[in-house]
């Protein structure tokens, strides 16, 4: 695996959280371990509790949120390319692994991920970090990737909703109207609102805000100013961006600047 596969991968290490996380999604995987406390996860319309020494897996595009109770955790957000490349090296075909088990109680998996995270936060040699990464993710794929999808990843929704979702992601920095979304789906606004909520679990407005926050987080970690991030991600102003960010992640975007807790791997 090339070192560049970890480039622009975000890490977060939170010592204590008692927040509520609004429903949102990522275009990457989200893989994390709970060290202490409890997280009541709202995941794909189910509620599942994560306790200490468990692993939490979220596939790209899955809607999730939840409530934390004295929660100490470490997460990272590996790309689809990283997981699919490792899957190809293991099994000889380019596929995207899909993990159907959201909360995993496996002491071995927890230990391997914890060892990997330690190398990142201890700023150890890249070769050592990447060895621990491969060790943890190959174990995860071998034991918990119950199915795969083709590498040309498409939304799991029917075609009309896939077109709409693609449009949203292509235009997050612009003003997106309900008229345009309904027209893109070739249905009335009434039917569009119902269909979109049924397929994603979010209203169009909630989905757009979640997409903008996801985009904004990457920009902040890369070093963009909060005012520029708000503009580029499509928020009306910086305060709207900060409020929306806090609702989803449980902390202010300014907290991302505390490099001891948040890392963008280079």
C-alpha atoms as a PDB file:
ATOM      1  CA  UNK A   1       0.000   0.000   0.000  1.00  0.00           C
ATOM      2  CA  UNK A   2       1.392   3.403  -0.957  1.00  0.00           C
ATOM      3  CA  UNK A   3       1.818   5.946   1.853  1.00  0.00           C
ATOM      4  CA  UNK A   4      -0.243   8.424  -0.170  1.00  0.00           C
ATOM      5  CA  UNK A   5      -3.398   6.411   0.513  1.00  0.00           C
ATOM      6  CA  UNK A   6      -3.523   7.920   4.001  1.00  0.00           C
ATOM      7  CA  UNK A   7      -3.049  11.458   2.714  1.00  0.00           C
ATOM      8  CA  UNK A   8      -5.896  13.807   3.673  1.00  0.00           C
ATOM      9  CA  UNK A   9      -7.337  11.234   6.078  1.00  0.00           C
ATOM     10  CA  UNK A  10      -8.855  12.913   9.128  1.00  0.00           C
ATOM     11  CA  UNK A  11      -8.412  11.626  12.682  1.00  0.00           C
ATOM     12  CA  UNK A  12     -10.150  12.747  15.874  1.00  0.00           C
ATOM     13  CA  UNK A  13      -9.422  11.800  19.470  1.00  0.00           C
ATOM     14  CA  UNK A  14     -12.030  12.954  22.026  1.00  0.00           C
ATOM     15  CA  UNK A  15     -11.458  12.508  25.766  1.00  0.00           C
ATOM     16  CA  UNK A  16     -14.980  13.262  26.984  1.00  0.00           C
ATOM     17  CA  UNK A  17     -18.209  13.865  25.079  1.00  0.00           C
ATOM     18  CA  UNK A  18     -21.752  14.280  26.393  1.00  0.00           C
ATOM     19  CA  UNK A  19     -23.189  15.665  23.177  1.00  0.00           C
ATOM     20  CA  UNK A  20     -26.044  14.935  20.825  1.00  0.00           C
ATOM     21  CA  UNK A  21     -24.965  14.446  17.198  1.00  0.00           C
ATOM     22  CA  UNK A  22     -27.469  15.429  14.506  1.00  0.00           C
ATOM     23  CA  UNK A  23     -28.039  12.985  11.656  1.00  0.00           C
ATOM     24  CA  UNK A  24     -25.399  13.295   8.933  1.00  0.00           C
ATOM     25  CA  UNK A  25     -23.231  11.251   6.568  1.00  0.00           C
ATOM     26  CA  UNK A  26     -19.688  11.059   5.184  1.00  0.00           C
ATOM     27  CA  UNK A  27     -18.379  10.324   1.707  1.00  0.00           C
ATOM     28  CA  UNK A  28     -15.673   8.244   3.394  1.00  0.00           C
ATOM     29  CA  UNK A  29     -15.877   5.390   5.872  1.00  0.00           C
ATOM     30  CA  UNK A  30     -15.957   6.294   9.554  1.00  0.00           C
ATOM     31  CA  UNK A  31     -14.144   3.768  11.751  1.00  0.00           C
ATOM     32  CA  UNK A  32     -13.675   4.322  15.461  1.00  0.00           C
ATOM     33  CA  UNK A  33     -13.232   2.689  18.824  1.00  0.00           C
ATOM     34  CA  UNK A  34     -14.866   3.475  22.161  1.00  0.00           C
ATOM     35  CA  UNK A  35     -12.407   3.605  25.054  1.00  0.00           C
ATOM     36  CA  UNK A  36     -14.825   4.557  27.834  1.00  0.00           C
ATOM     37  CA  UNK A  37     -18.418   5.629  28.345  1.00  0.00           C
ATOM     38  CA  UNK A  38     -21.280   4.897  25.987  1.00  0.00           C
ATOM     39  CA  UNK A  39     -22.608   6.122  22.663  1.00  0.00           C
ATOM     40  CA  UNK A  40     -26.232   5.537  21.681  1.00  0.00           C
ATOM     41  CA  UNK A  41     -25.927   5.408  17.900  1.00  0.00           C
ATOM     42  CA  UNK A  42     -28.807   6.279  15.586  1.00  0.00           C
ATOM     43  CA  UNK A  43     -27.724   4.411  12.483  1.00  0.00           C
ATOM     44  CA  UNK A  44     -29.804   3.733   9.384  1.00  0.00           C
ATOM     45  CA  UNK A  45     -33.057   4.043  11.408  1.00  0.00           C
ATOM     46  CA  UNK A  46     -31.855   1.735  14.170  1.00  0.00           C
ATOM     47  CA  UNK A  47     -30.605   2.580  17.670  1.00  0.00           C
ATOM     48  CA  UNK A  48     -27.574   0.596  18.813  1.00  0.00           C
ATOM     49  CA  UNK A  49     -25.416   1.263  21.872  1.00  0.00           C
ATOM     50  CA  UNK A  50     -21.625   1.228  21.715  1.00  0.00           C
ATOM     51  CA  UNK A  51     -19.773   0.500  24.943  1.00  0.00           C
ATOM     52  CA  UNK A  52     -16.093   0.519  25.841  1.00  0.00           C
ATOM     53  CA  UNK A  53     -13.701  -1.600  23.788  1.00  0.00           C
ATOM     54  CA  UNK A  54     -16.109  -1.845  20.864  1.00  0.00           C
ATOM     55  CA  UNK A  55     -15.576  -0.762  17.257  1.00  0.00           C
ATOM     56  CA  UNK A  56     -17.998   1.415  15.297  1.00  0.00           C
ATOM     57  CA  UNK A  57     -18.167   1.109  11.496  1.00  0.00           C
ATOM     58  CA  UNK A  58     -20.057   3.441   9.155  1.00  0.00           C
ATOM     59  CA  UNK A  59     -20.040   2.865   5.405  1.00  0.00           C
ATOM     60  CA  UNK A  60     -19.873   5.822   2.990  1.00  0.00           C
ATOM     61  CA  UNK A  61     -23.200   7.592   2.647  1.00  0.00           C
ATOM     62  CA  UNK A  62     -24.904   5.965   5.643  1.00  0.00           C
ATOM     63  CA  UNK A  63     -27.046   8.290   7.747  1.00  0.00           C
ATOM     64  CA  UNK A  64     -26.062   8.354  11.410  1.00  0.00           C
ATOM     65  CA  UNK A  65     -26.144  10.447  14.570  1.00  0.00           C
ATOM     66  CA  UNK A  66     -26.679   9.761  18.260  1.00  0.00           C
ATOM     67  CA  UNK A  67     -26.127  10.669  21.887  1.00  0.00           C
ATOM     68  CA  UNK A  68     -22.909  10.358  23.882  1.00  0.00           C
ATOM     69  CA  UNK A  69     -22.540   9.702  27.606  1.00  0.00           C
ATOM     70  CA  UNK A  70     -19.060  10.400  29.030  1.00  0.00           C
ATOM     71  CA  UNK A  71     -17.818   9.017  25.723  1.00  0.00           C
ATOM     72  CA  UNK A  72     -14.083   8.702  25.086  1.00  0.00           C
ATOM     73  CA  UNK A  73     -13.323   7.666  21.523  1.00  0.00           C
ATOM     74  CA  UNK A  74     -10.938   7.783  18.600  1.00  0.00           C
ATOM     75  CA  UNK A  75     -12.139   7.888  14.973  1.00  0.00           C
ATOM     76  CA  UNK A  76     -10.672   8.119  11.542  1.00  0.00           C
ATOM     77  CA  UNK A  77     -12.207   8.556   8.102  1.00  0.00           C
ATOM     78  CA  UNK A  78     -10.463   6.345   5.522  1.00  0.00           C
ATOM     79  CA  UNK A  79     -11.334   6.845   1.873  1.00  0.00           C
ATOM     80  CA  UNK A  80     -13.191   4.423  -0.370  1.00  0.00           C
ATOM     81  CA  UNK A  81      -9.982   4.163  -2.404  1.00  0.00           C
ATOM     82  CA  UNK A  82      -7.998   2.991   0.631  1.00  0.00           C
ATOM     83  CA  UNK A  83     -10.414   0.206   1.584  1.00  0.00           C
ATOM     84  CA  UNK A  84     -10.985  -0.932  -1.997  1.00  0.00           C
ATOM     85  CA  UNK A  85      -7.256  -1.028  -2.713  1.00  0.00           C
ATOM     86  CA  UNK A  86      -6.615  -3.159   0.352  1.00  0.00           C
ATOM     87  CA  UNK A  87      -9.532  -5.430  -0.602  1.00  0.00           C
ATOM     88  CA  UNK A  88      -8.005  -5.834  -4.077  1.00  0.00           C
ATOM     89  CA  UNK A  89      -4.640  -6.768  -2.602  1.00  0.00           C
ATOM     90  CA  UNK A  90      -6.308  -9.370  -0.380  1.00  0.00           C
ATOM     91  CA  UNK A  91      -8.714 -10.931  -2.907  1.00  0.00           C
ATOM     92  CA  UNK A  92      -7.525  -9.927  -6.375  1.00  0.00           C
ATOM     93  CA  UNK A  93     -10.484  -7.819  -7.479  1.00  0.00           C
ATOM     94  CA  UNK A  94     -11.332  -4.138  -7.107  1.00  0.00           C
ATOM     95  CA  UNK A  95     -14.404  -4.040  -4.874  1.00  0.00           C
ATOM     96  CA  UNK A  96     -15.725  -1.782  -2.142  1.00  0.00           C
ATOM     97  CA  UNK A  97     -16.193  -3.719   1.125  1.00  0.00           C
ATOM     98  CA  UNK A  98     -19.521  -3.123   2.857  1.00  0.00           C
ATOM     99  CA  UNK A  99     -19.797  -3.734   6.604  1.00  0.00           C
ATOM    100  CA  UNK A 100     -23.298  -4.745   7.684  1.00  0.00           C
ATOM    101  CA  UNK A 101     -22.421  -4.918  11.391  1.00  0.00           C
ATOM    102  CA  UNK A 102     -22.391  -1.379  12.758  1.00  0.00           C
ATOM    103  CA  UNK A 103     -21.126  -1.976  16.324  1.00  0.00           C
ATOM    104  CA  UNK A 104     -18.578  -4.781  16.643  1.00  0.00           C
ATOM    105  CA  UNK A 105     -17.613  -6.402  19.937  1.00  0.00           C
ATOM    106  CA  UNK A 106     -14.233  -7.922  19.112  1.00  0.00           C
ATOM    107  CA  UNK A 107     -11.312  -7.422  21.478  1.00  0.00           C
ATOM    108  CA  UNK A 108      -8.776  -8.308  18.786  1.00  0.00           C
ATOM    109  CA  UNK A 109     -10.148  -5.734  16.350  1.00  0.00           C
ATOM    110  CA  UNK A 110     -10.223  -3.091  19.088  1.00  0.00           C
ATOM    111  CA  UNK A 111      -6.591  -3.842  20.008  1.00  0.00           C
ATOM    112  CA  UNK A 112      -5.396  -3.646  16.404  1.00  0.00           C
ATOM    113  CA  UNK A 113      -7.140  -0.345  15.774  1.00  0.00           C
ATOM    114  CA  UNK A 114      -5.901   1.063  19.086  1.00  0.00           C
ATOM    115  CA  UNK A 115      -2.329   0.117  18.130  1.00  0.00           C
ATOM    116  CA  UNK A 116      -2.737   1.880  14.772  1.00  0.00           C
ATOM    117  CA  UNK A 117      -4.176   5.026  16.347  1.00  0.00           C
ATOM    118  CA  UNK A 118      -1.288   5.090  18.810  1.00  0.00           C
ATOM    119  CA  UNK A 119       1.248   5.234  15.969  1.00  0.00           C
ATOM    120  CA  UNK A 120      -0.590   8.195  14.429  1.00  0.00           C
ATOM    121  CA  UNK A 121      -0.851  10.262  17.596  1.00  0.00           C
ATOM    122  CA  UNK A 122       2.692   9.353  18.657  1.00  0.00           C
ATOM    123  CA  UNK A 123       3.877  10.551  15.220  1.00  0.00           C
ATOM    124  CA  UNK A 124       5.757   7.328  14.606  1.00  0.00           C
ATOM    125  CA  UNK A 125       7.496   6.427  11.350  1.00  0.00           C
ATOM    126  CA  UNK A 126       5.083   6.204   8.373  1.00  0.00           C
ATOM    127  CA  UNK A 127       6.118   2.620   7.629  1.00  0.00           C
ATOM    128  CA  UNK A 128       5.180   1.552  11.148  1.00  0.00           C
ATOM    129  CA  UNK A 129       1.842   3.404  10.991  1.00  0.00           C
ATOM    130  CA  UNK A 130       0.988   1.933   7.616  1.00  0.00           C
ATOM    131  CA  UNK A 131       1.896  -1.575   8.797  1.00  0.00           C
ATOM    132  CA  UNK A 132      -0.466  -1.183  11.747  1.00  0.00           C
ATOM    133  CA  UNK A 133      -3.124   0.261   9.428  1.00  0.00           C
ATOM    134  CA  UNK A 134      -2.941  -2.729   7.082  1.00  0.00           C
ATOM    135  CA  UNK A 135      -2.940  -5.096  10.055  1.00  0.00           C
ATOM    136  CA  UNK A 136      -6.138  -3.557  11.483  1.00  0.00           C
ATOM    137  CA  UNK A 137      -8.080  -3.034   8.242  1.00  0.00           C
ATOM    138  CA  UNK A 138      -7.204  -6.418   6.749  1.00  0.00           C
ATOM    139  CA  UNK A 139      -8.522  -8.061   9.913  1.00  0.00           C
ATOM    140  CA  UNK A 140     -11.674  -5.953   9.687  1.00  0.00           C
ATOM    141  CA  UNK A 141     -12.241  -6.808   6.015  1.00  0.00           C
ATOM    142  CA  UNK A 142     -11.507 -10.515   6.431  1.00  0.00           C
ATOM    143  CA  UNK A 143     -13.874 -10.928   9.366  1.00  0.00           C
ATOM    144  CA  UNK A 144     -16.640  -8.369   8.817  1.00  0.00           C
ATOM    145  CA  UNK A 145     -16.980  -7.395   5.129  1.00  0.00           C
ATOM    146  CA  UNK A 146     -20.084  -9.492   4.502  1.00  0.00           C
ATOM    147  CA  UNK A 147     -20.640  -8.090   1.023  1.00  0.00           C
ATOM    148  CA  UNK A 148     -19.114  -5.787  -1.570  1.00  0.00           C
ATOM    149  CA  UNK A 149     -20.264  -3.414  -4.268  1.00  0.00           C
ATOM    150  CA  UNK A 150     -18.604  -2.499  -7.544  1.00  0.00           C
ATOM    151  CA  UNK A 151     -15.810   0.048  -7.397  1.00  0.00           C
ATOM    152  CA  UNK A 152     -17.871   2.523  -9.396  1.00  0.00           C
ATOM    153  CA  UNK A 153     -19.775   3.385  -6.245  1.00  0.00           C
ATOM    154  CA  UNK A 154     -23.344   4.579  -6.784  1.00  0.00           C
ATOM    155  CA  UNK A 155     -26.002   5.584  -4.328  1.00  0.00           C
ATOM    156  CA  UNK A 156     -28.161   2.702  -3.153  1.00  0.00           C
ATOM    157  CA  UNK A 157     -31.336   4.722  -3.806  1.00  0.00           C
ATOM    158  CA  UNK A 158     -33.432   4.320  -6.973  1.00  0.00           C
ATOM    159  CA  UNK A 159     -32.195   6.157 -10.039  1.00  0.00           C
ATOM    160  CA  UNK A 160     -34.207   9.361  -9.554  1.00  0.00           C
ATOM    161  CA  UNK A 161     -32.902   9.870  -6.036  1.00  0.00           C
ATOM    162  CA  UNK A 162     -29.355   9.016  -7.124  1.00  0.00           C
ATOM    163  CA  UNK A 163     -29.486  11.775  -9.721  1.00  0.00           C
ATOM    164  CA  UNK A 164     -30.765  14.241  -7.121  1.00  0.00           C
ATOM    165  CA  UNK A 165     -28.083  13.281  -4.591  1.00  0.00           C
ATOM    166  CA  UNK A 166     -25.380  13.646  -7.235  1.00  0.00           C
ATOM    167  CA  UNK A 167     -26.755  17.082  -8.055  1.00  0.00           C
ATOM    168  CA  UNK A 168     -26.680  18.101  -4.381  1.00  0.00           C
ATOM    169  CA  UNK A 169     -23.044  17.026  -3.939  1.00  0.00           C
ATOM    170  CA  UNK A 170     -22.033  18.819  -7.128  1.00  0.00           C
ATOM    171  CA  UNK A 171     -23.675  22.065  -6.011  1.00  0.00           C
ATOM    172  CA  UNK A 172     -23.127  22.284  -2.240  1.00  0.00           C
ATOM    173  CA  UNK A 173     -21.530  25.692  -2.581  1.00  0.00           C
ATOM    174  CA  UNK A 174     -24.508  27.106  -4.463  1.00  0.00           C
ATOM    175  CA  UNK A 175     -28.096  27.973  -3.619  1.00  0.00           C
ATOM    176  CA  UNK A 176     -30.105  24.749  -4.044  1.00  0.00           C
ATOM    177  CA  UNK A 177     -33.866  25.106  -4.381  1.00  0.00           C
ATOM    178  CA  UNK A 178     -36.656  22.621  -3.816  1.00  0.00           C
ATOM    179  CA  UNK A 179     -37.991  23.427  -7.283  1.00  0.00           C
ATOM    180  CA  UNK A 180     -34.700  22.388  -8.855  1.00  0.00           C
ATOM    181  CA  UNK A 181     -34.468  19.140  -6.865  1.00  0.00           C
ATOM    182  CA  UNK A 182     -38.043  18.120  -7.653  1.00  0.00           C
ATOM    183  CA  UNK A 183     -37.514  18.975 -11.302  1.00  0.00           C
ATOM    184  CA  UNK A 184     -34.318  16.911 -11.368  1.00  0.00           C
ATOM    185  CA  UNK A 185     -36.257  13.937 -10.000  1.00  0.00           C
ATOM    186  CA  UNK A 186     -39.162  14.591 -12.423  1.00  0.00           C
ATOM    187  CA  UNK A 187     -41.768  14.550  -9.659  1.00  0.00           C
ATOM    188  CA  UNK A 188     -43.869  17.146  -7.848  1.00  0.00           C
ATOM    189  CA  UNK A 189     -42.442  18.887  -4.803  1.00  0.00           C
ATOM    190  CA  UNK A 190     -44.924  17.046  -2.601  1.00  0.00           C
ATOM    191  CA  UNK A 191     -43.869  13.624  -3.897  1.00  0.00           C
ATOM    192  CA  UNK A 192     -40.214  14.585  -3.913  1.00  0.00           C
ATOM    193  CA  UNK A 193     -40.195  15.503  -0.211  1.00  0.00           C
ATOM    194  CA  UNK A 194     -41.825  12.212   0.702  1.00  0.00           C
ATOM    195  CA  UNK A 195     -39.588  10.092  -1.545  1.00  0.00           C
ATOM    196  CA  UNK A 196     -36.372  11.790  -0.446  1.00  0.00           C
ATOM    197  CA  UNK A 197     -37.140  11.372   3.259  1.00  0.00           C
ATOM    198  CA  UNK A 198     -38.091   7.714   2.734  1.00  0.00           C
ATOM    199  CA  UNK A 199     -34.809   6.953   0.955  1.00  0.00           C
ATOM    200  CA  UNK A 200     -32.319   8.956   3.018  1.00  0.00           C
ATOM    201  CA  UNK A 201     -33.974   9.355   6.412  1.00  0.00           C
ATOM    202  CA  UNK A 202     -33.392  13.116   6.165  1.00  0.00           C
ATOM    203  CA  UNK A 203     -35.270  16.024   4.657  1.00  0.00           C
ATOM    204  CA  UNK A 204     -33.551  17.648   1.658  1.00  0.00           C
ATOM    205  CA  UNK A 205     -32.597  20.608   3.851  1.00  0.00           C
ATOM    206  CA  UNK A 206     -31.039  18.347   6.511  1.00  0.00           C
ATOM    207  CA  UNK A 207     -29.165  16.401   3.836  1.00  0.00           C
ATOM    208  CA  UNK A 208     -27.764  19.552   2.237  1.00  0.00           C
ATOM    209  CA  UNK A 209     -26.609  20.940   5.597  1.00  0.00           C
ATOM    210  CA  UNK A 210     -24.938  17.614   6.434  1.00  0.00           C
ATOM    211  CA  UNK A 211     -23.187  17.627   3.061  1.00  0.00           C
ATOM    212  CA  UNK A 212     -21.974  21.191   3.542  1.00  0.00           C
ATOM    213  CA  UNK A 213     -20.657  20.415   7.028  1.00  0.00           C
ATOM    214  CA  UNK A 214     -18.851  17.338   5.700  1.00  0.00           C
ATOM    215  CA  UNK A 215     -17.195  19.462   3.004  1.00  0.00           C
ATOM    216  CA  UNK A 216     -16.408  22.231   5.490  1.00  0.00           C
ATOM    217  CA  UNK A 217     -14.680  19.887   7.934  1.00  0.00           C
ATOM    218  CA  UNK A 218     -12.204  18.810   5.279  1.00  0.00           C
ATOM    219  CA  UNK A 219     -11.478  22.442   4.387  1.00  0.00           C
ATOM    220  CA  UNK A 220     -10.927  23.457   8.020  1.00  0.00           C
ATOM    221  CA  UNK A 221      -8.490  20.604   8.630  1.00  0.00           C
ATOM    222  CA  UNK A 222      -6.605  21.641   5.502  1.00  0.00           C
ATOM    223  CA  UNK A 223      -6.096  25.082   7.027  1.00  0.00           C
ATOM    224  CA  UNK A 224      -8.749  27.270   5.400  1.00  0.00           C
ATOM    225  CA  UNK A 225     -10.096  30.137   7.513  1.00  0.00           C
ATOM    226  CA  UNK A 226     -13.564  29.671   8.992  1.00  0.00           C
ATOM    227  CA  UNK A 227     -14.950  32.584   7.012  1.00  0.00           C
ATOM    228  CA  UNK A 228     -13.654  31.153   3.735  1.00  0.00           C
ATOM    229  CA  UNK A 229     -14.871  27.673   4.632  1.00  0.00           C
ATOM    230  CA  UNK A 230     -18.384  28.957   5.328  1.00  0.00           C
ATOM    231  CA  UNK A 231     -18.466  30.627   1.930  1.00  0.00           C
ATOM    232  CA  UNK A 232     -17.001  27.719  -0.036  1.00  0.00           C
ATOM    233  CA  UNK A 233     -19.299  25.166   1.636  1.00  0.00           C
ATOM    234  CA  UNK A 234     -22.419  27.175   0.849  1.00  0.00           C
ATOM    235  CA  UNK A 235     -23.398  28.573   4.260  1.00  0.00           C
ATOM    236  CA  UNK A 236     -25.057  31.970   4.421  1.00  0.00           C
ATOM    237  CA  UNK A 237     -22.600  33.173   7.066  1.00  0.00           C
ATOM    238  CA  UNK A 238     -19.943  31.957   9.476  1.00  0.00           C
ATOM    239  CA  UNK A 239     -22.268  31.748  12.486  1.00  0.00           C
ATOM    240  CA  UNK A 240     -24.670  29.487  10.571  1.00  0.00           C
ATOM    241  CA  UNK A 241     -21.747  27.256   9.661  1.00  0.00           C
ATOM    242  CA  UNK A 242     -20.508  27.055  13.266  1.00  0.00           C
ATOM    243  CA  UNK A 243     -23.973  26.237  14.638  1.00  0.00           C
ATOM    244  CA  UNK A 244     -24.549  23.529  12.019  1.00  0.00           C
ATOM    245  CA  UNK A 245     -21.105  22.032  12.584  1.00  0.00           C
ATOM    246  CA  UNK A 246     -21.599  21.819  16.346  1.00  0.00           C
ATOM    247  CA  UNK A 247     -24.954  20.056  15.946  1.00  0.00           C
ATOM    248  CA  UNK A 248     -23.359  17.300  13.870  1.00  0.00           C
ATOM    249  CA  UNK A 249     -19.936  16.812  15.492  1.00  0.00           C
ATOM    250  CA  UNK A 250     -20.609  17.954  19.040  1.00  0.00           C
ATOM    251  CA  UNK A 251     -17.760  20.477  19.044  1.00  0.00           C
ATOM    252  CA  UNK A 252     -16.911  23.782  17.371  1.00  0.00           C
ATOM    253  CA  UNK A 253     -14.925  23.825  14.106  1.00  0.00           C
ATOM    254  CA  UNK A 254     -12.364  25.936  15.967  1.00  0.00           C
ATOM    255  CA  UNK A 255     -11.616  22.814  18.012  1.00  0.00           C
ATOM    256  CA  UNK A 256     -10.211  21.210  14.859  1.00  0.00           C
ATOM    257  CA  UNK A 257      -7.287  23.612  15.162  1.00  0.00           C
ATOM    258  CA  UNK A 258      -6.175  21.798  18.345  1.00  0.00           C
ATOM    259  CA  UNK A 259      -3.767  19.573  16.490  1.00  0.00           C
ATOM    260  CA  UNK A 260      -3.196  17.263  19.466  1.00  0.00           C
ATOM    261  CA  UNK A 261      -6.733  15.898  19.025  1.00  0.00           C
ATOM    262  CA  UNK A 262      -7.363  16.335  15.306  1.00  0.00           C
ATOM    263  CA  UNK A 263      -4.961  15.247  12.598  1.00  0.00           C
ATOM    264  CA  UNK A 264      -5.018  15.386   8.832  1.00  0.00           C
ATOM    265  CA  UNK A 265      -2.495  12.713   7.861  1.00  0.00           C
ATOM    266  CA  UNK A 266       0.053  13.898   5.285  1.00  0.00           C
END
